[in-house]
Amino acid sequence: MDNSSFNDWLQLYGKAWTQRRPDLIKELFTQNAKYFEKPFSSPFEGIDAITLYWKGISQTQKDISFEYKIISVNDYVGIAHFVASFLRQPGNIHVKLDGIFQVTLDSQNKCTSFSEWWESQKS
C-alpha cells in the first residue's frame, strides 16, 4: 500500500457512504474481510455481513458529508482521521462523527481488516 492507493480506497469508501451505495462494498472489501465498527464489539465478518450492515446504514442516514486526512501508511496498513455528519432517520437528528480508521489492504487494494474508533455528537 502507498499513499495513493490508500487515498483511492478512502475516496471509494466516501462515495459508498455519502451516496448511500452498499453495492460498492464488494469493490472495497475482500470476501473474508473483518469490519470492526467499535473496539469492543464483535466484527462483521465476510462481505455479506458487511454489505448487510451498510444496507442498514443507507436506510437510516441522509445528507451525509465525509472528509478525511491520511495520517500514516506502511506496506499494508493505512491510518486516517475522518470527520462526518449526517441526519439520522427517523427524526432528522443531526449527528457529527470524529474518528480514526485503521485499514489493512491486500495487493488488489481491497480491505481485509477495517477498524474504526469514533466519538459522536448529536443535536
PDB file of N, CA and C in Angstrom:
ATOM      1  N   MET A   1       0.853  -1.175   0.000  1.00  0.00           N
ATOM      2  CA  MET A   1       0.000   0.000   0.000  1.00  0.00           C
ATOM      3  C   MET A   1       0.894   1.232   0.000  1.00  0.00           C
ATOM      4  N   ASP A   2       0.457   2.236  -0.702  1.00  0.00           N
ATOM      5  CA  ASP A   2       1.132   3.527  -0.641  1.00  0.00           C
ATOM      6  C   ASP A   2       0.057   4.600  -0.444  1.00  0.00           C
ATOM      7  N   ASN A   3       0.500   5.830  -0.306  1.00  0.00           N
ATOM      8  CA  ASN A   3      -0.414   6.937  -0.043  1.00  0.00           C
ATOM      9  C   ASN A   3      -1.503   7.034  -1.119  1.00  0.00           C
ATOM     10  N   SER A   4      -1.117   6.865  -2.379  1.00  0.00           N
ATOM     11  CA  SER A   4      -2.059   6.996  -3.482  1.00  0.00           C
ATOM     12  C   SER A   4      -3.129   5.891  -3.447  1.00  0.00           C
ATOM     13  N   SER A   5      -2.723   4.649  -3.228  1.00  0.00           N
ATOM     14  CA  SER A   5      -3.701   3.553  -3.214  1.00  0.00           C
ATOM     15  C   SER A   5      -4.625   3.660  -2.008  1.00  0.00           C
ATOM     16  N   PHE A   6      -4.088   4.106  -0.869  1.00  0.00           N
ATOM     17  CA  PHE A   6      -4.947   4.294   0.303  1.00  0.00           C
ATOM     18  C   PHE A   6      -5.924   5.438   0.064  1.00  0.00           C
ATOM     19  N   ASN A   7      -5.452   6.504  -0.547  1.00  0.00           N
ATOM     20  CA  ASN A   7      -6.336   7.622  -0.882  1.00  0.00           C
ATOM     21  C   ASN A   7      -7.448   7.169  -1.829  1.00  0.00           C
ATOM     22  N   ASP A   8      -7.110   6.362  -2.837  1.00  0.00           N
ATOM     23  CA  ASP A   8      -8.124   5.842  -3.756  1.00  0.00           C
ATOM     24  C   ASP A   8      -9.175   5.035  -3.000  1.00  0.00           C
ATOM     25  N   TRP A   9      -8.722   4.193  -2.060  1.00  0.00           N
ATOM     26  CA  TRP A   9      -9.643   3.370  -1.285  1.00  0.00           C
ATOM     27  C   TRP A   9     -10.564   4.254  -0.441  1.00  0.00           C
ATOM     28  N   LEU A  10      -9.993   5.258   0.227  1.00  0.00           N
ATOM     29  CA  LEU A  10     -10.798   6.164   1.055  1.00  0.00           C
ATOM     30  C   LEU A  10     -11.806   6.952   0.225  1.00  0.00           C
ATOM     31  N   GLN A  11     -11.417   7.343  -0.971  1.00  0.00           N
ATOM     32  CA  GLN A  11     -12.356   8.061  -1.838  1.00  0.00           C
ATOM     33  C   GLN A  11     -13.544   7.177  -2.206  1.00  0.00           C
ATOM     34  N   LEU A  12     -13.282   5.906  -2.520  1.00  0.00           N
ATOM     35  CA  LEU A  12     -14.366   4.988  -2.847  1.00  0.00           C
ATOM     36  C   LEU A  12     -15.227   4.709  -1.618  1.00  0.00           C
ATOM     37  N   TYR A  13     -14.601   4.586  -0.451  1.00  0.00           N
ATOM     38  CA  TYR A  13     -15.345   4.405   0.796  1.00  0.00           C
ATOM     39  C   TYR A  13     -16.267   5.602   1.014  1.00  0.00           C
ATOM     40  N   GLY A  14     -15.729   6.804   0.830  1.00  0.00           N
ATOM     41  CA  GLY A  14     -16.532   8.017   0.978  1.00  0.00           C
ATOM     42  C   GLY A  14     -17.677   8.067  -0.016  1.00  0.00           C
ATOM     43  N   LYS A  15     -17.438   7.646  -1.245  1.00  0.00           N
ATOM     44  CA  LYS A  15     -18.502   7.611  -2.256  1.00  0.00           C
ATOM     45  C   LYS A  15     -19.590   6.629  -1.842  1.00  0.00           C
ATOM     46  N   ALA A  16     -19.189   5.448  -1.378  1.00  0.00           N
ATOM     47  CA  ALA A  16     -20.166   4.443  -0.947  1.00  0.00           C
ATOM     48  C   ALA A  16     -21.023   4.976   0.195  1.00  0.00           C
ATOM     49  N   TRP A  17     -20.396   5.694   1.119  1.00  0.00           N
ATOM     50  CA  TRP A  17     -21.126   6.201   2.282  1.00  0.00           C
ATOM     51  C   TRP A  17     -22.015   7.387   1.908  1.00  0.00           C
ATOM     52  N   THR A  18     -21.418   8.412   1.307  1.00  0.00           N
ATOM     53  CA  THR A  18     -22.174   9.647   1.056  1.00  0.00           C
ATOM     54  C   THR A  18     -23.278   9.455   0.016  1.00  0.00           C
ATOM     55  N   GLN A  19     -23.064   8.546  -0.923  1.00  0.00           N
ATOM     56  CA  GLN A  19     -24.083   8.291  -1.941  1.00  0.00           C
ATOM     57  C   GLN A  19     -25.006   7.136  -1.556  1.00  0.00           C
ATOM     58  N   ARG A  20     -24.783   6.605  -0.347  1.00  0.00           N
ATOM     59  CA  ARG A  20     -25.601   5.507   0.182  1.00  0.00           C
ATOM     60  C   ARG A  20     -25.664   4.360  -0.824  1.00  0.00           C
ATOM     61  N   ARG A  21     -24.441   3.839  -1.130  1.00  0.00           N
ATOM     62  CA  ARG A  21     -24.282   2.815  -2.164  1.00  0.00           C
ATOM     63  C   ARG A  21     -23.674   1.542  -1.585  1.00  0.00           C
ATOM     64  N   PRO A  22     -24.446   0.738  -0.862  1.00  0.00           N
ATOM     65  CA  PRO A  22     -23.890  -0.511  -0.329  1.00  0.00           C
ATOM     66  C   PRO A  22     -23.434  -1.480  -1.420  1.00  0.00           C
ATOM     67  N   ASP A  23     -23.878  -1.265  -2.654  1.00  0.00           N
ATOM     68  CA  ASP A  23     -23.425  -2.115  -3.757  1.00  0.00           C
ATOM     69  C   ASP A  23     -21.927  -1.962  -4.024  1.00  0.00           C
ATOM     70  N   LEU A  24     -21.324  -0.857  -3.566  1.00  0.00           N
ATOM     71  CA  LEU A  24     -19.888  -0.641  -3.766  1.00  0.00           C
ATOM     72  C   LEU A  24     -19.023  -1.400  -2.757  1.00  0.00           C
ATOM     73  N   ILE A  25     -19.634  -1.986  -1.757  1.00  0.00           N
ATOM     74  CA  ILE A  25     -18.875  -2.698  -0.719  1.00  0.00           C
ATOM     75  C   ILE A  25     -18.016  -3.797  -1.332  1.00  0.00           C
ATOM     76  N   LYS A  26     -18.513  -4.461  -2.346  1.00  0.00           N
ATOM     77  CA  LYS A  26     -17.747  -5.551  -2.973  1.00  0.00           C
ATOM     78  C   LYS A  26     -16.473  -5.046  -3.641  1.00  0.00           C
ATOM     79  N   GLU A  27     -16.426  -3.759  -3.969  1.00  0.00           N
ATOM     80  CA  GLU A  27     -15.211  -3.170  -4.537  1.00  0.00           C
ATOM     81  C   GLU A  27     -14.224  -2.758  -3.447  1.00  0.00           C
ATOM     82  N   LEU A  28     -14.714  -2.626  -2.225  1.00  0.00           N
ATOM     83  CA  LEU A  28     -13.874  -2.146  -1.120  1.00  0.00           C
ATOM     84  C   LEU A  28     -13.277  -3.254  -0.259  1.00  0.00           C
ATOM     85  N   PHE A  29     -14.017  -4.345  -0.084  1.00  0.00           N
ATOM     86  CA  PHE A  29     -13.638  -5.372   0.888  1.00  0.00           C
ATOM     87  C   PHE A  29     -13.472  -6.735   0.224  1.00  0.00           C
ATOM     88  N   THR A  30     -12.581  -7.553   0.796  1.00  0.00           N
ATOM     89  CA  THR A  30     -12.412  -8.928   0.336  1.00  0.00           C
ATOM     90  C   THR A  30     -13.573  -9.782   0.829  1.00  0.00           C
ATOM     91  N   GLN A  31     -13.696 -10.967   0.275  1.00  0.00           N
ATOM     92  CA  GLN A  31     -14.774 -11.891   0.662  1.00  0.00           C
ATOM     93  C   GLN A  31     -14.758 -12.209   2.155  1.00  0.00           C
ATOM     94  N   ASN A  32     -13.569 -12.300   2.741  1.00  0.00           N
ATOM     95  CA  ASN A  32     -13.441 -12.705   4.146  1.00  0.00           C
ATOM     96  C   ASN A  32     -13.047 -11.559   5.075  1.00  0.00           C
ATOM     97  N   ALA A  33     -13.285 -10.334   4.656  1.00  0.00           N
ATOM     98  CA  ALA A  33     -12.873  -9.164   5.449  1.00  0.00           C
ATOM     99  C   ALA A  33     -13.559  -9.144   6.810  1.00  0.00           C
ATOM    100  N   LYS A  34     -12.888  -8.476   7.742  1.00  0.00           N
ATOM    101  CA  LYS A  34     -13.462  -8.215   9.060  1.00  0.00           C
ATOM    102  C   LYS A  34     -13.619  -6.717   9.220  1.00  0.00           C
ATOM    103  N   TYR A  35     -14.792  -6.315   9.723  1.00  0.00           N
ATOM    104  CA  TYR A  35     -15.147  -4.903   9.862  1.00  0.00           C
ATOM    105  C   TYR A  35     -15.497  -4.659  11.330  1.00  0.00           C
ATOM    106  N   PHE A  36     -14.604  -3.965  12.022  1.00  0.00           N
ATOM    107  CA  PHE A  36     -14.800  -3.650  13.432  1.00  0.00           C
ATOM    108  C   PHE A  36     -15.361  -2.236  13.537  1.00  0.00           C
ATOM    109  N   GLU A  37     -16.659  -2.125  13.819  1.00  0.00           N
ATOM    110  CA  GLU A  37     -17.267  -0.803  13.942  1.00  0.00           C
ATOM    111  C   GLU A  37     -16.898  -0.150  15.274  1.00  0.00           C
ATOM    112  N   LYS A  38     -16.775  -0.958  16.320  1.00  0.00           N
ATOM    113  CA  LYS A  38     -16.425  -0.462  17.651  1.00  0.00           C
ATOM    114  C   LYS A  38     -15.382  -1.393  18.248  1.00  0.00           C
ATOM    115  N   PRO A  39     -14.459  -0.847  19.045  1.00  0.00           N
ATOM    116  CA  PRO A  39     -13.341  -1.657  19.520  1.00  0.00           C
ATOM    117  C   PRO A  39     -13.729  -2.864  20.374  1.00  0.00           C
ATOM    118  N   PHE A  40     -14.832  -2.809  21.096  1.00  0.00           N
ATOM    119  CA  PHE A  40     -15.189  -3.905  21.983  1.00  0.00           C
ATOM    120  C   PHE A  40     -16.334  -4.756  21.446  1.00  0.00           C
ATOM    121  N   SER A  41     -16.734  -4.515  20.219  1.00  0.00           N
ATOM    122  CA  SER A  41     -17.805  -5.294  19.599  1.00  0.00           C
ATOM    123  C   SER A  41     -17.205  -6.350  18.680  1.00  0.00           C
ATOM    124  N   SER A  42     -17.945  -7.417  18.476  1.00  0.00           N
ATOM    125  CA  SER A  42     -17.523  -8.421  17.504  1.00  0.00           C
ATOM    126  C   SER A  42     -17.574  -7.811  16.110  1.00  0.00           C
ATOM    127  N   PRO A  43     -16.662  -8.227  15.232  1.00  0.00           N
ATOM    128  CA  PRO A  43     -16.661  -7.657  13.879  1.00  0.00           C
ATOM    129  C   PRO A  43     -17.776  -8.232  13.019  1.00  0.00           C
ATOM    130  N   PHE A  44     -18.113  -7.484  11.975  1.00  0.00           N
ATOM    131  CA  PHE A  44     -18.901  -8.041  10.891  1.00  0.00           C
ATOM    132  C   PHE A  44     -17.901  -8.842  10.070  1.00  0.00           C
ATOM    133  N   GLU A  45     -18.186 -10.107   9.840  1.00  0.00           N
ATOM    134  CA  GLU A  45     -17.225 -10.977   9.157  1.00  0.00           C
ATOM    135  C   GLU A  45     -17.754 -11.429   7.806  1.00  0.00           C
ATOM    136  N   GLY A  46     -17.006 -11.124   6.769  1.00  0.00           N
ATOM    137  CA  GLY A  46     -17.365 -11.514   5.415  1.00  0.00           C
ATOM    138  C   GLY A  46     -18.143 -10.440   4.684  1.00  0.00           C
ATOM    139  N   ILE A  47     -18.055 -10.503   3.371  1.00  0.00           N
ATOM    140  CA  ILE A  47     -18.646  -9.473   2.525  1.00  0.00           C
ATOM    141  C   ILE A  47     -20.165  -9.391   2.687  1.00  0.00           C
ATOM    142  N   ASP A  48     -20.826 -10.515   2.897  1.00  0.00           N
ATOM    143  CA  ASP A  48     -22.285 -10.486   3.041  1.00  0.00           C
ATOM    144  C   ASP A  48     -22.705  -9.760   4.312  1.00  0.00           C
ATOM    145  N   ALA A  49     -22.021 -10.018   5.420  1.00  0.00           N
ATOM    146  CA  ALA A  49     -22.352  -9.344   6.690  1.00  0.00           C
ATOM    147  C   ALA A  49     -22.046  -7.855   6.612  1.00  0.00           C
ATOM    148  N   ILE A  50     -20.939  -7.494   5.973  1.00  0.00           N
ATOM    149  CA  ILE A  50     -20.574  -6.078   5.841  1.00  0.00           C
ATOM    150  C   ILE A  50     -21.588  -5.365   4.944  1.00  0.00           C
ATOM    151  N   THR A  51     -21.988  -5.989   3.855  1.00  0.00           N
ATOM    152  CA  THR A  51     -22.976  -5.395   2.955  1.00  0.00           C
ATOM    153  C   THR A  51     -24.311  -5.205   3.662  1.00  0.00           C
ATOM    154  N   LEU A  52     -24.745  -6.188   4.436  1.00  0.00           N
ATOM    155  CA  LEU A  52     -25.998  -6.076   5.180  1.00  0.00           C
ATOM    156  C   LEU A  52     -25.933  -4.915   6.173  1.00  0.00           C
ATOM    157  N   TYR A  53     -24.803  -4.776   6.870  1.00  0.00           N
ATOM    158  CA  TYR A  53     -24.601  -3.652   7.797  1.00  0.00           C
ATOM    159  C   TYR A  53     -24.731  -2.320   7.043  1.00  0.00           C
ATOM    160  N   TRP A  54     -24.086  -2.207   5.882  1.00  0.00           N
ATOM    161  CA  TRP A  54     -24.132  -0.969   5.106  1.00  0.00           C
ATOM    162  C   TRP A  54     -25.521  -0.698   4.542  1.00  0.00           C
ATOM    163  N   LYS A  55     -26.271  -1.735   4.219  1.00  0.00           N
ATOM    164  CA  LYS A  55     -27.645  -1.522   3.754  1.00  0.00           C
ATOM    165  C   LYS A  55     -28.466  -0.872   4.863  1.00  0.00           C
ATOM    166  N   GLY A  56     -28.247  -1.286   6.096  1.00  0.00           N
ATOM    167  CA  GLY A  56     -28.930  -0.667   7.232  1.00  0.00           C
ATOM    168  C   GLY A  56     -28.561   0.790   7.392  1.00  0.00           C
ATOM    169  N   ILE A  57     -27.276   1.094   7.255  1.00  0.00           N
ATOM    170  CA  ILE A  57     -26.806   2.477   7.356  1.00  0.00           C
ATOM    171  C   ILE A  57     -27.462   3.338   6.279  1.00  0.00           C
ATOM    172  N   SER A  58     -27.521   2.812   5.064  1.00  0.00           N
ATOM    173  CA  SER A  58     -28.052   3.619   3.957  1.00  0.00           C
ATOM    174  C   SER A  58     -29.530   3.942   4.147  1.00  0.00           C
ATOM    175  N   GLN A  59     -30.215   3.199   4.994  1.00  0.00           N
ATOM    176  CA  GLN A  59     -31.629   3.458   5.256  1.00  0.00           C
ATOM    177  C   GLN A  59     -31.849   4.400   6.437  1.00  0.00           C
ATOM    178  N   THR A  60     -30.823   4.615   7.261  1.00  0.00           N
ATOM    179  CA  THR A  60     -31.005   5.426   8.474  1.00  0.00           C
ATOM    180  C   THR A  60     -30.230   6.738   8.451  1.00  0.00           C
ATOM    181  N   GLN A  61     -29.485   7.011   7.383  1.00  0.00           N
ATOM    182  CA  GLN A  61     -28.706   8.244   7.294  1.00  0.00           C
ATOM    183  C   GLN A  61     -28.998   8.940   5.969  1.00  0.00           C
ATOM    184  N   LYS A  62     -29.047  10.291   6.014  1.00  0.00           N
ATOM    185  CA  LYS A  62     -29.153  11.056   4.767  1.00  0.00           C
ATOM    186  C   LYS A  62     -28.347  12.340   4.911  1.00  0.00           C
ATOM    187  N   ASP A  63     -28.139  13.024   3.800  1.00  0.00           N
ATOM    188  CA  ASP A  63     -27.337  14.263   3.770  1.00  0.00           C
ATOM    189  C   ASP A  63     -25.976  14.044   4.422  1.00  0.00           C
ATOM    190  N   ILE A  64     -25.287  13.033   3.971  1.00  0.00           N
ATOM    191  CA  ILE A  64     -24.016  12.610   4.570  1.00  0.00           C
ATOM    192  C   ILE A  64     -22.869  13.425   3.994  1.00  0.00           C
ATOM    193  N   SER A  65     -21.997  13.902   4.877  1.00  0.00           N
ATOM    194  CA  SER A  65     -20.741  14.504   4.445  1.00  0.00           C
ATOM    195  C   SER A  65     -19.606  13.701   5.075  1.00  0.00           C
ATOM    196  N   PHE A  66     -18.480  13.611   4.373  1.00  0.00           N
ATOM    197  CA  PHE A  66     -17.349  12.806   4.819  1.00  0.00           C
ATOM    198  C   PHE A  66     -16.070  13.434   4.318  1.00  0.00           C
ATOM    199  N   GLU A  67     -15.130  13.656   5.230  1.00  0.00           N
ATOM    200  CA  GLU A  67     -13.799  14.155   4.884  1.00  0.00           C
ATOM    201  C   GLU A  67     -12.782  13.334   5.653  1.00  0.00           C
ATOM    202  N   TYR A  68     -11.574  13.273   5.118  1.00  0.00           N
ATOM    203  CA  TYR A  68     -10.526  12.500   5.787  1.00  0.00           C
ATOM    204  C   TYR A  68      -9.162  13.121   5.523  1.00  0.00           C
ATOM    205  N   LYS A  69      -8.230  12.737   6.362  1.00  0.00           N
ATOM    206  CA  LYS A  69      -6.829  13.105   6.184  1.00  0.00           C
ATOM    207  C   LYS A  69      -6.001  11.878   6.526  1.00  0.00           C
ATOM    208  N   ILE A  70      -5.157  11.481   5.601  1.00  0.00           N
ATOM    209  CA  ILE A  70      -4.290  10.324   5.840  1.00  0.00           C
ATOM    210  C   ILE A  70      -3.229  10.705   6.860  1.00  0.00           C
ATOM    211  N   ILE A  71      -3.085   9.874   7.875  1.00  0.00           N
ATOM    212  CA  ILE A  71      -2.088  10.102   8.936  1.00  0.00           C
ATOM    213  C   ILE A  71      -0.827   9.302   8.673  1.00  0.00           C
ATOM    214  N   SER A  72      -0.994   8.031   8.291  1.00  0.00           N
ATOM    215  CA  SER A  72       0.156   7.143   8.146  1.00  0.00           C
ATOM    216  C   SER A  72      -0.174   6.012   7.180  1.00  0.00           C
ATOM    217  N   VAL A  73       0.843   5.576   6.443  1.00  0.00           N
ATOM    218  CA  VAL A  73       0.709   4.444   5.534  1.00  0.00           C
ATOM    219  C   VAL A  73       2.007   3.645   5.594  1.00  0.00           C
ATOM    220  N   ASN A  74       1.878   2.297   5.716  1.00  0.00           N
ATOM    221  CA  ASN A  74       3.041   1.442   5.509  1.00  0.00           C
ATOM    222  C   ASN A  74       2.677   0.423   4.444  1.00  0.00           C
ATOM    223  N   ASP A  75       3.379  -0.680   4.349  1.00  0.00           N
ATOM    224  CA  ASP A  75       3.152  -1.629   3.255  1.00  0.00           C
ATOM    225  C   ASP A  75       1.718  -2.144   3.173  1.00  0.00           C
ATOM    226  N   TYR A  76       1.059  -2.362   4.315  1.00  0.00           N
ATOM    227  CA  TYR A  76      -0.268  -2.974   4.301  1.00  0.00           C
ATOM    228  C   TYR A  76      -1.329  -2.218   5.093  1.00  0.00           C
ATOM    229  N   VAL A  77      -0.928  -1.306   5.977  1.00  0.00           N
ATOM    230  CA  VAL A  77      -1.879  -0.647   6.871  1.00  0.00           C
ATOM    231  C   VAL A  77      -1.856   0.863   6.650  1.00  0.00           C
ATOM    232  N   GLY A  78      -3.057   1.428   6.561  1.00  0.00           N
ATOM    233  CA  GLY A  78      -3.206   2.873   6.483  1.00  0.00           C
ATOM    234  C   GLY A  78      -4.049   3.360   7.646  1.00  0.00           C
ATOM    235  N   ILE A  79      -3.713   4.531   8.139  1.00  0.00           N
ATOM    236  CA  ILE A  79      -4.459   5.149   9.231  1.00  0.00           C
ATOM    237  C   ILE A  79      -4.894   6.531   8.759  1.00  0.00           C
ATOM    238  N   ALA A  80      -6.172   6.839   8.987  1.00  0.00           N
ATOM    239  CA  ALA A  80      -6.708   8.133   8.566  1.00  0.00           C
ATOM    240  C   ALA A  80      -7.617   8.694   9.645  1.00  0.00           C
ATOM    241  N   HIS A  81      -7.605  10.014   9.751  1.00  0.00           N
ATOM    242  CA  HIS A  81      -8.550  10.736  10.608  1.00  0.00           C
ATOM    243  C   HIS A  81      -9.731  11.113   9.723  1.00  0.00           C
ATOM    244  N   PHE A  82     -10.950  10.981  10.248  1.00  0.00           N
ATOM    245  CA  PHE A  82     -12.115  11.366   9.460  1.00  0.00           C
ATOM    246  C   PHE A  82     -13.084  12.184  10.302  1.00  0.00           C
ATOM    247  N   VAL A  83     -13.849  13.002   9.602  1.00  0.00           N
ATOM    248  CA  VAL A  83     -14.997  13.688  10.184  1.00  0.00           C
ATOM    249  C   VAL A  83     -16.157  13.463   9.232  1.00  0.00           C
ATOM    250  N   ALA A  84     -17.319  13.283   9.809  1.00  0.00           N
ATOM    251  CA  ALA A  84     -18.517  13.043   9.013  1.00  0.00           C
ATOM    252  C   ALA A  84     -19.710  13.650   9.727  1.00  0.00           C
ATOM    253  N   SER A  85     -20.750  13.895   8.968  1.00  0.00           N
ATOM    254  CA  SER A  85     -22.010  14.327   9.562  1.00  0.00           C
ATOM    255  C   SER A  85     -23.145  13.802   8.694  1.00  0.00           C
ATOM    256  N   PHE A  86     -24.310  13.651   9.312  1.00  0.00           N
ATOM    257  CA  PHE A  86     -25.477  13.160   8.601  1.00  0.00           C
ATOM    258  C   PHE A  86     -26.712  13.427   9.440  1.00  0.00           C
ATOM    259  N   LEU A  87     -27.860  13.259   8.810  1.00  0.00           N
ATOM    260  CA  LEU A  87     -29.139  13.318   9.513  1.00  0.00           C
ATOM    261  C   LEU A  87     -29.606  11.887   9.734  1.00  0.00           C
ATOM    262  N   ARG A  88     -29.735  11.504  10.999  1.00  0.00           N
ATOM    263  CA  ARG A  88     -30.214  10.158  11.323  1.00  0.00           C
ATOM    264  C   ARG A  88     -31.728  10.120  11.187  1.00  0.00           C
ATOM    265  N   GLN A  89     -32.190   9.050  10.538  1.00  0.00           N
ATOM    266  CA  GLN A  89     -33.606   8.841  10.319  1.00  0.00           C
ATOM    267  C   GLN A  89     -34.105   7.698  11.200  1.00  0.00           C
ATOM    268  N   PRO A  90     -35.303   7.738  11.682  1.00  0.00           N
ATOM    269  CA  PRO A  90     -36.235   8.853  11.581  1.00  0.00           C
ATOM    270  C   PRO A  90     -35.879   9.951  12.580  1.00  0.00           C
ATOM    271  N   GLY A  91     -36.457  11.089  12.406  1.00  0.00           N
ATOM    272  CA  GLY A  91     -36.317  12.175  13.360  1.00  0.00           C
ATOM    273  C   GLY A  91     -35.403  13.310  12.948  1.00  0.00           C
ATOM    274  N   ASN A  92     -34.656  13.147  11.839  1.00  0.00           N
ATOM    275  CA  ASN A  92     -33.736  14.193  11.387  1.00  0.00           C
ATOM    276  C   ASN A  92     -32.799  14.664  12.485  1.00  0.00           C
ATOM    277  N   ILE A  93     -32.215  13.739  13.217  1.00  0.00           N
ATOM    278  CA  ILE A  93     -31.248  14.070  14.266  1.00  0.00           C
ATOM    279  C   ILE A  93     -29.894  14.288  13.612  1.00  0.00           C
ATOM    280  N   HIS A  94     -29.325  15.483  13.809  1.00  0.00           N
ATOM    281  CA  HIS A  94     -28.021  15.797  13.225  1.00  0.00           C
ATOM    282  C   HIS A  94     -26.929  15.121  14.048  1.00  0.00           C
ATOM    283  N   VAL A  95     -26.086  14.343  13.368  1.00  0.00           N
ATOM    284  CA  VAL A  95     -25.003  13.610  14.031  1.00  0.00           C
ATOM    285  C   VAL A  95     -23.683  14.015  13.397  1.00  0.00           C
ATOM    286  N   LYS A  96     -22.700  14.319  14.249  1.00  0.00           N
ATOM    287  CA  LYS A  96     -21.330  14.571  13.807  1.00  0.00           C
ATOM    288  C   LYS A  96     -20.453  13.461  14.359  1.00  0.00           C
ATOM    289  N   LEU A  97     -19.544  12.968  13.523  1.00  0.00           N
ATOM    290  CA  LEU A  97     -18.573  11.963  13.944  1.00  0.00           C
ATOM    291  C   LEU A  97     -17.170  12.507  13.750  1.00  0.00           C
ATOM    292  N   ASP A  98     -16.284  12.146  14.659  1.00  0.00           N
ATOM    293  CA  ASP A  98     -14.865  12.466  14.551  1.00  0.00           C
ATOM    294  C   ASP A  98     -14.123  11.213  14.965  1.00  0.00           C
ATOM    295  N   GLY A  99     -13.294  10.680  14.066  1.00  0.00           N
ATOM    296  CA  GLY A  99     -12.688   9.406  14.397  1.00  0.00           C
ATOM    297  C   GLY A  99     -11.465   9.039  13.585  1.00  0.00           C
ATOM    298  N   ILE A 100     -11.063   7.781  13.768  1.00  0.00           N
ATOM    299  CA  ILE A 100      -9.875   7.208  13.142  1.00  0.00           C
ATOM    300  C   ILE A 100     -10.252   5.907  12.463  1.00  0.00           C
ATOM    301  N   PHE A 101      -9.710   5.687  11.263  1.00  0.00           N
ATOM    302  CA  PHE A 101      -9.790   4.407  10.570  1.00  0.00           C
ATOM    303  C   PHE A 101      -8.415   3.756  10.586  1.00  0.00           C
ATOM    304  N   GLN A 102      -8.391   2.452  10.786  1.00  0.00           N
ATOM    305  CA  GLN A 102      -7.199   1.639  10.549  1.00  0.00           C
ATOM    306  C   GLN A 102      -7.597   0.602   9.504  1.00  0.00           C
ATOM    307  N   VAL A 103      -6.940   0.638   8.353  1.00  0.00           N
ATOM    308  CA  VAL A 103      -7.354  -0.162   7.201  1.00  0.00           C
ATOM    309  C   VAL A 103      -6.178  -1.007   6.709  1.00  0.00           C
ATOM    310  N   THR A 104      -6.413  -2.307   6.587  1.00  0.00           N
ATOM    311  CA  THR A 104      -5.420  -3.215   6.012  1.00  0.00           C
ATOM    312  C   THR A 104      -5.891  -3.590   4.614  1.00  0.00           C
ATOM    313  N   LEU A 105      -5.046  -3.326   3.614  1.00  0.00           N
ATOM    314  CA  LEU A 105      -5.385  -3.622   2.223  1.00  0.00           C
ATOM    315  C   LEU A 105      -4.508  -4.743   1.681  1.00  0.00           C
ATOM    316  N   ASP A 106      -5.077  -5.535   0.782  1.00  0.00           N
ATOM    317  CA  ASP A 106      -4.297  -6.569   0.118  1.00  0.00           C
ATOM    318  C   ASP A 106      -3.680  -6.000  -1.164  1.00  0.00           C
ATOM    319  N   SER A 107      -3.054  -6.859  -1.948  1.00  0.00           N
ATOM    320  CA  SER A 107      -2.369  -6.405  -3.163  1.00  0.00           C
ATOM    321  C   SER A 107      -3.340  -5.933  -4.248  1.00  0.00           C
ATOM    322  N   GLN A 108      -4.638  -6.253  -4.108  1.00  0.00           N
ATOM    323  CA  GLN A 108      -5.664  -5.798  -5.044  1.00  0.00           C
ATOM    324  C   GLN A 108      -6.344  -4.510  -4.576  1.00  0.00           C
ATOM    325  N   ASN A 109      -5.808  -3.911  -3.511  1.00  0.00           N
ATOM    326  CA  ASN A 109      -6.350  -2.683  -2.909  1.00  0.00           C
ATOM    327  C   ASN A 109      -7.748  -2.892  -2.323  1.00  0.00           C
ATOM    328  N   LYS A 110      -7.995  -4.107  -1.838  1.00  0.00           N
ATOM    329  CA  LYS A 110      -9.237  -4.402  -1.127  1.00  0.00           C
ATOM    330  C   LYS A 110      -8.915  -4.613   0.350  1.00  0.00           C
ATOM    331  N   CYS A 111      -9.847  -4.203   1.175  1.00  0.00           N
ATOM    332  CA  CYS A 111      -9.647  -4.245   2.616  1.00  0.00           C
ATOM    333  C   CYS A 111      -9.863  -5.657   3.156  1.00  0.00           C
ATOM    334  N   THR A 112      -8.906  -6.109   3.981  1.00  0.00           N
ATOM    335  CA  THR A 112      -9.034  -7.394   4.667  1.00  0.00           C
ATOM    336  C   THR A 112      -9.434  -7.198   6.124  1.00  0.00           C
ATOM    337  N   SER A 113      -9.096  -6.028   6.682  1.00  0.00           N
ATOM    338  CA  SER A 113      -9.449  -5.719   8.067  1.00  0.00           C
ATOM    339  C   SER A 113      -9.653  -4.213   8.201  1.00  0.00           C
ATOM    340  N   PHE A 114     -10.800  -3.851   8.790  1.00  0.00           N
ATOM    341  CA  PHE A 114     -11.166  -2.445   8.955  1.00  0.00           C
ATOM    342  C   PHE A 114     -11.568  -2.228  10.405  1.00  0.00           C
ATOM    343  N   SER A 115     -10.947  -1.243  11.047  1.00  0.00           N
ATOM    344  CA  SER A 115     -11.297  -0.873  12.427  1.00  0.00           C
ATOM    345  C   SER A 115     -11.527   0.625  12.474  1.00  0.00           C
ATOM    346  N   GLU A 116     -12.536   1.017  13.240  1.00  0.00           N
ATOM    347  CA  GLU A 116     -12.790   2.447  13.412  1.00  0.00           C
ATOM    348  C   GLU A 116     -13.045   2.758  14.878  1.00  0.00           C
ATOM    349  N   TRP A 117     -12.600   3.931  15.272  1.00  0.00           N
ATOM    350  CA  TRP A 117     -12.836   4.479  16.609  1.00  0.00           C
ATOM    351  C   TRP A 117     -13.385   5.868  16.386  1.00  0.00           C
ATOM    352  N   TRP A 118     -14.507   6.193  17.025  1.00  0.00           N
ATOM    353  CA  TRP A 118     -15.104   7.499  16.795  1.00  0.00           C
ATOM    354  C   TRP A 118     -15.900   7.965  18.013  1.00  0.00           C
ATOM    355  N   GLU A 119     -16.059   9.268  18.050  1.00  0.00           N
ATOM    356  CA  GLU A 119     -16.930   9.930  19.011  1.00  0.00           C
ATOM    357  C   GLU A 119     -18.042  10.594  18.210  1.00  0.00           C
ATOM    358  N   SER A 120     -19.214  10.677  18.797  1.00  0.00           N
ATOM    359  CA  SER A 120     -20.324  11.319  18.103  1.00  0.00           C
ATOM    360  C   SER A 120     -20.916  12.436  18.946  1.00  0.00           C
ATOM    361  N   GLN A 121     -21.497  13.383  18.248  1.00  0.00           N
ATOM    362  CA  GLN A 121     -22.220  14.490  18.867  1.00  0.00           C
ATOM    363  C   GLN A 121     -23.559  14.588  18.160  1.00  0.00           C
ATOM    364  N   LYS A 122     -24.624  14.618  18.922  1.00  0.00           N
ATOM    365  CA  LYS A 122     -25.963  14.674  18.353  1.00  0.00           C
ATOM    366  C   LYS A 122     -26.626  15.993  18.728  1.00  0.00           C
ATOM    367  N   SER A 123     -27.397  16.542  17.807  1.00  0.00           N
ATOM    368  CA  SER A 123     -28.148  17.768  18.104  1.00  0.00           C
ATOM    369  C   SER A 123     -29.468  17.763  17.360  1.00  0.00           C
TER     370      SER A 123
END
